């Protein structure tokens, strides 16, 4: 099963240093039945993009909690066995839960398939989105518009061999 793990550049640097993406349990996003039902598609590529987008939003939440992190969303795609992932009883059809899973095992960073990161020119919009997130969660439509503005920037695809260059930017 392909899962998408939300991180920040400092967290990616730490994973690169330790060689471990996560020691389990940790949160990720994947194609779940609830995501399939919400997205109304059977196209695997579209569903994977939806899971990646959910992970990008979770990365934005991590940035909102870490004022010192470079304002670029980071998502690592990794394949794990189906038995290593749990949707959990607390994961329901709420929009914030769509696609959310728990990876229950340790995952070496070497198992990563790819890394997805914002381009440098996205930093001002991502910073504004991180700052507006709490207000958007509280129902402020203007703040939600700012948060949605981060989605105007597509995450760039990087091979895992490019991680050292990426973490040099953190």
Protein backbone atom coordinates (compact mmCIF):
# COMPACT_ATOMS: atom_id res chain seq x y z
CA UNK A 1 0.00 0.00 0.00
CA UNK A 2 1.33 3.44 -0.90
CA UNK A 3 1.11 5.90 1.97
CA UNK A 4 1.91 9.59 2.01
CA UNK A 5 3.71 10.84 5.11
CA UNK A 6 3.46 14.55 5.93
CA UNK A 7 6.69 16.16 7.14
CA UNK A 8 8.56 19.45 7.25
CA UNK A 9 12.04 20.02 5.84
CA UNK A 10 13.61 19.78 9.35
CA UNK A 11 11.74 16.49 9.92
CA UNK A 12 12.97 15.21 6.55
CA UNK A 13 16.51 16.20 7.56
CA UNK A 14 16.10 14.21 10.78
CA UNK A 15 14.79 11.19 8.86
CA UNK A 16 17.76 11.47 6.51
CA UNK A 17 20.14 11.62 9.48
CA UNK A 18 18.59 8.64 11.31
CA UNK A 19 17.66 6.64 8.21
CA UNK A 20 14.16 6.17 9.55
CA UNK A 21 11.00 7.79 8.24
CA UNK A 22 9.08 6.82 11.34
CA UNK A 23 9.25 4.30 14.11
CA UNK A 24 5.52 3.60 14.27
CA UNK A 25 2.90 4.39 15.03
CA UNK A 26 2.76 7.56 12.97
CA UNK A 27 0.18 9.26 10.81
CA UNK A 28 0.01 9.12 7.04
CA UNK A 29 -2.54 9.28 4.23
CA UNK A 30 -3.62 6.61 1.77
CA UNK A 31 -6.49 5.54 -0.43
CA UNK A 32 -9.06 4.47 2.14
CA UNK A 33 -12.69 3.44 1.60
CA UNK A 34 -13.84 6.80 3.02
CA UNK A 35 -11.56 8.68 0.61
CA UNK A 36 -12.84 6.60 -2.31
CA UNK A 37 -16.45 7.28 -1.35
CA UNK A 38 -15.84 11.02 -0.86
CA UNK A 39 -13.85 11.43 -4.09
CA UNK A 40 -16.29 9.35 -6.15
CA UNK A 41 -13.60 7.94 -8.39
CA UNK A 42 -12.08 4.58 -9.13
CA UNK A 43 -9.11 6.12 -10.96
CA UNK A 44 -6.12 5.14 -8.82
CA UNK A 45 -4.01 8.08 -9.96
CA UNK A 46 -6.74 10.54 -9.01
CA UNK A 47 -7.19 8.86 -5.63
CA UNK A 48 -3.44 8.88 -4.98
CA UNK A 49 -3.39 12.59 -5.81
CA UNK A 50 -6.23 13.13 -3.34
CA UNK A 51 -4.29 11.25 -0.62
CA UNK A 52 -1.17 13.27 -1.45
CA UNK A 53 -3.20 16.48 -1.16
CA UNK A 54 -4.52 15.41 2.24
CA UNK A 55 -0.92 14.77 3.36
CA UNK A 56 0.09 18.22 2.04
CA UNK A 57 -2.58 19.79 4.25
CA UNK A 58 -1.26 17.78 7.21
CA UNK A 59 2.24 19.06 6.39
CA UNK A 60 0.82 22.59 6.47
CA UNK A 61 -0.50 21.84 9.97
CA UNK A 62 2.99 20.71 11.00
CA UNK A 63 4.38 23.99 9.66
CA UNK A 64 1.79 25.96 11.62
CA UNK A 65 3.06 24.24 14.78
CA UNK A 66 6.76 24.85 13.99
CA UNK A 67 7.46 28.55 13.45
CA UNK A 68 11.14 27.84 12.73
CA UNK A 69 10.59 25.44 9.83
CA UNK A 70 11.11 26.56 6.25
CA UNK A 71 7.65 27.31 4.85
CA UNK A 72 7.54 24.48 2.33
CA UNK A 73 5.21 21.50 2.59
CA UNK A 74 6.87 18.07 2.43
CA UNK A 75 5.28 14.69 1.72
CA UNK A 76 7.14 11.39 1.44
CA UNK A 77 5.54 8.58 -0.56
CA UNK A 78 6.42 5.11 0.69
CA UNK A 79 5.12 1.60 0.07
CA UNK A 80 4.36 -0.52 3.12
CA UNK A 81 2.57 -3.82 3.55
CA UNK A 82 -1.21 -3.65 3.97
CA UNK A 83 -0.83 -5.16 7.43
CA UNK A 84 1.37 -2.24 8.52
CA UNK A 85 -1.48 0.25 8.09
CA UNK A 86 -4.53 0.74 10.23
CA UNK A 87 -7.46 3.03 9.51
CA UNK A 88 -8.38 2.79 13.18
CA UNK A 89 -11.75 3.15 14.83
CA UNK A 90 -11.24 6.89 15.34
CA UNK A 91 -10.96 7.53 11.63
CA UNK A 92 -14.35 8.31 10.20
CA UNK A 93 -16.00 10.04 7.29
CA UNK A 94 -15.26 13.53 8.65
CA UNK A 95 -13.56 15.64 5.97
CA UNK A 96 -10.49 16.07 8.17
CA UNK A 97 -10.16 12.28 8.51
CA UNK A 98 -10.43 11.36 4.83
CA UNK A 99 -7.53 9.15 3.84
CA UNK A 100 -5.90 9.31 7.26
CA UNK A 101 -4.21 6.10 8.41
CA UNK A 102 -1.75 5.02 11.06
CA UNK A 103 1.44 3.23 10.05
CA UNK A 104 2.13 0.80 12.87
CA UNK A 105 5.67 -0.34 12.00
CA UNK A 106 9.07 1.26 11.64
CA UNK A 107 9.75 2.44 8.10
CA UNK A 108 13.30 2.99 6.87
CA UNK A 109 13.69 6.12 4.75
CA UNK A 110 15.38 3.88 2.17
CA UNK A 111 11.92 2.43 1.41
CA UNK A 112 10.64 5.82 0.25
CA UNK A 113 9.48 5.93 -3.37
CA UNK A 114 9.61 9.71 -3.79
CA UNK A 115 9.54 13.03 -2.00
CA UNK A 116 7.17 15.89 -2.83
CA UNK A 117 8.12 19.43 -1.78
CA UNK A 118 6.94 22.95 -2.52
CA UNK A 119 9.12 25.08 -4.78
CA UNK A 120 10.84 28.07 -3.19
CA UNK A 121 8.40 30.48 -4.85
CA UNK A 122 5.56 28.89 -2.86
CA UNK A 123 7.04 29.91 0.49
CA UNK A 124 5.13 33.23 0.89
CA UNK A 125 1.76 31.58 0.14
CA UNK A 126 2.54 28.55 2.32
CA UNK A 127 3.63 30.85 5.16
CA UNK A 128 0.40 32.84 4.87
CA UNK A 129 -1.62 29.61 4.79
CA UNK A 130 0.12 28.27 7.90
CA UNK A 131 -0.60 31.55 9.70
CA UNK A 132 -4.28 31.49 8.62
CA UNK A 133 -4.92 27.83 9.45
CA UNK A 134 -6.30 28.32 12.97
CA UNK A 135 -8.74 31.00 11.82
CA UNK A 136 -9.79 28.83 8.86
CA UNK A 137 -10.43 25.93 11.23
CA UNK A 138 -12.62 28.30 13.22
CA UNK A 139 -14.82 28.98 10.20
CA UNK A 140 -13.28 32.20 8.86
CA UNK A 141 -13.96 32.13 5.11
CA UNK A 142 -11.26 34.68 4.30
CA UNK A 143 -8.69 32.64 6.19
CA UNK A 144 -9.88 29.50 4.39
CA UNK A 145 -9.28 31.27 1.10
CA UNK A 146 -5.68 31.97 2.20
CA UNK A 147 -5.22 28.32 3.21
CA UNK A 148 -6.63 27.19 -0.13
CA UNK A 149 -4.11 29.47 -1.82
CA UNK A 150 -1.32 27.07 -0.85
CA UNK A 151 -3.01 24.47 -3.07
CA UNK A 152 -2.37 26.72 -6.05
CA UNK A 153 1.21 25.45 -5.80
CA UNK A 154 1.78 21.88 -6.95
CA UNK A 155 4.28 19.92 -4.91
CA UNK A 156 7.37 19.10 -6.95
CA UNK A 157 8.46 15.48 -7.34
CA UNK A 158 11.95 14.49 -6.19
CA UNK A 159 13.75 11.16 -6.33
CA UNK A 160 14.95 9.86 -2.99
CA UNK A 161 18.55 10.40 -4.13
CA UNK A 162 17.80 14.14 -4.07
CA UNK A 163 17.00 14.19 -0.33
CA UNK A 164 20.49 15.40 0.68
CA UNK A 165 20.05 18.47 -1.54
CA UNK A 166 16.57 19.12 -0.16
CA UNK A 167 17.56 18.92 3.49
CA UNK A 168 20.46 21.26 2.84
CA UNK A 169 17.71 23.87 2.34
CA UNK A 170 16.26 23.41 5.82
